[in-house]
Amino acid sequence: MSDPHRVTDEGFLEYTRQQKCAVCLSPAPNDPHHLTSRGAGGSDLTAIPMCRDCHRCYHDLGHNAFQNHRSIDLWKHCILST
């Protein structure tokens, strides 16, 4: 059974792909990065646009280290703060 609180929205993900990277501002297309992972029950509405380089760096460093390294609060770029 799926989580009733998890929103799946392919239209929003496509919109996110067409935005500039929330971190380095590189132009679209970009990857939607879920701030709360789908595996942890995260909603598509927690996705922000990230270029491949920033997305890869995020996953290499981890959430806190990436935010410290880039001096950024990724949740400020998310339409849904949970």
Protein backbone atom coordinates (compact mmCIF):
# COMPACT_ATOMS: atom_id res chain seq x y z
CA MET A 1 0.00 0.00 0.00
CA SER A 2 1.33 3.47 -0.84
CA ASP A 3 1.79 6.21 1.74
CA PRO A 4 -1.24 8.52 1.64
CA HIS A 5 0.98 11.51 2.57
CA ARG A 6 3.40 10.99 -0.33
CA VAL A 7 2.52 13.11 -3.34
CA THR A 8 3.54 11.81 -6.76
CA ASP A 9 3.44 14.54 -9.39
CA GLU A 10 5.23 13.90 -12.69
CA GLY A 11 4.14 17.32 -13.94
CA PHE A 12 5.92 19.00 -11.04
CA LEU A 13 9.04 16.90 -11.64
CA GLU A 14 9.05 17.95 -15.31
CA TYR A 15 8.65 21.58 -14.24
CA THR A 16 11.58 21.11 -11.83
CA ARG A 17 13.75 19.67 -14.62
CA GLN A 18 13.19 22.87 -16.61
CA GLN A 19 14.46 25.19 -13.84
CA LYS A 20 18.01 26.41 -13.25
CA CYS A 21 20.07 24.58 -10.62
CA ALA A 22 19.10 25.77 -7.12
CA VAL A 23 22.77 25.57 -6.08
CA CYS A 24 24.98 26.89 -8.92
CA LEU A 25 22.27 28.37 -11.17
CA SER A 26 23.32 26.37 -14.24
CA PRO A 27 20.62 26.38 -16.93
CA ALA A 28 18.05 23.64 -17.52
CA PRO A 29 17.62 20.80 -17.97
CA ASN A 30 18.48 19.66 -14.46
CA ASP A 31 17.74 16.71 -12.19
CA PRO A 32 14.92 16.83 -9.65
CA HIS A 33 16.53 16.10 -6.28
CA HIS A 34 14.17 14.96 -3.52
CA LEU A 35 15.13 16.57 -0.19
CA THR A 36 13.16 13.82 1.53
CA SER A 37 13.91 10.70 -0.48
CA ARG A 38 11.14 8.69 -2.07
CA GLY A 39 12.35 5.67 -0.11
CA ALA A 40 11.80 7.60 3.11
CA GLY A 41 8.27 8.47 2.01
CA GLY A 42 9.19 11.85 0.55
CA SER A 43 6.83 13.72 -1.72
CA ASP A 44 7.69 14.84 -5.23
CA LEU A 45 6.92 18.31 -3.89
CA THR A 46 10.20 18.16 -1.94
CA ALA A 47 12.16 18.07 -5.23
CA ILE A 48 14.44 20.93 -6.21
CA PRO A 49 16.42 21.31 -9.45
CA MET A 50 20.08 20.33 -9.31
CA CYS A 51 22.56 20.06 -12.16
CA ARG A 52 24.37 16.73 -12.50
CA ASP A 53 27.57 18.04 -10.90
CA CYS A 54 25.81 19.48 -7.84
CA HIS A 55 23.56 16.40 -7.57
CA ARG A 56 26.55 14.05 -7.68
CA CYS A 57 28.44 16.18 -5.13
CA TYR A 58 25.38 16.16 -2.84
CA HIS A 59 25.24 12.37 -2.83
CA ASP A 60 29.02 12.07 -2.42
CA LEU A 61 29.16 14.43 0.58
CA GLY A 62 25.76 13.88 2.20
CA HIS A 63 23.13 16.48 3.08
CA ASN A 64 24.78 18.38 5.94
CA ALA A 65 28.31 18.37 4.51
CA PHE A 66 27.01 19.53 1.11
CA GLN A 67 25.05 22.40 2.65
CA ASN A 68 28.07 23.45 4.70
CA HIS A 69 30.40 23.14 1.69
CA ARG A 70 28.08 25.26 -0.50
CA SER A 71 26.82 27.57 2.30
CA ILE A 72 23.22 26.89 1.29
CA ASP A 73 19.97 25.84 2.95
CA LEU A 74 18.36 23.62 0.34
CA TRP A 75 14.97 23.70 2.05
CA LYS A 76 14.70 27.40 1.19
CA HIS A 77 14.47 26.31 -2.47
CA CYS A 78 11.68 23.83 -1.82
CA ILE A 79 7.99 24.68 -2.15
CA LEU A 80 7.07 22.17 0.55
CA SER A 81 8.86 22.39 3.89
CA THR A 82 8.07 19.48 6.16
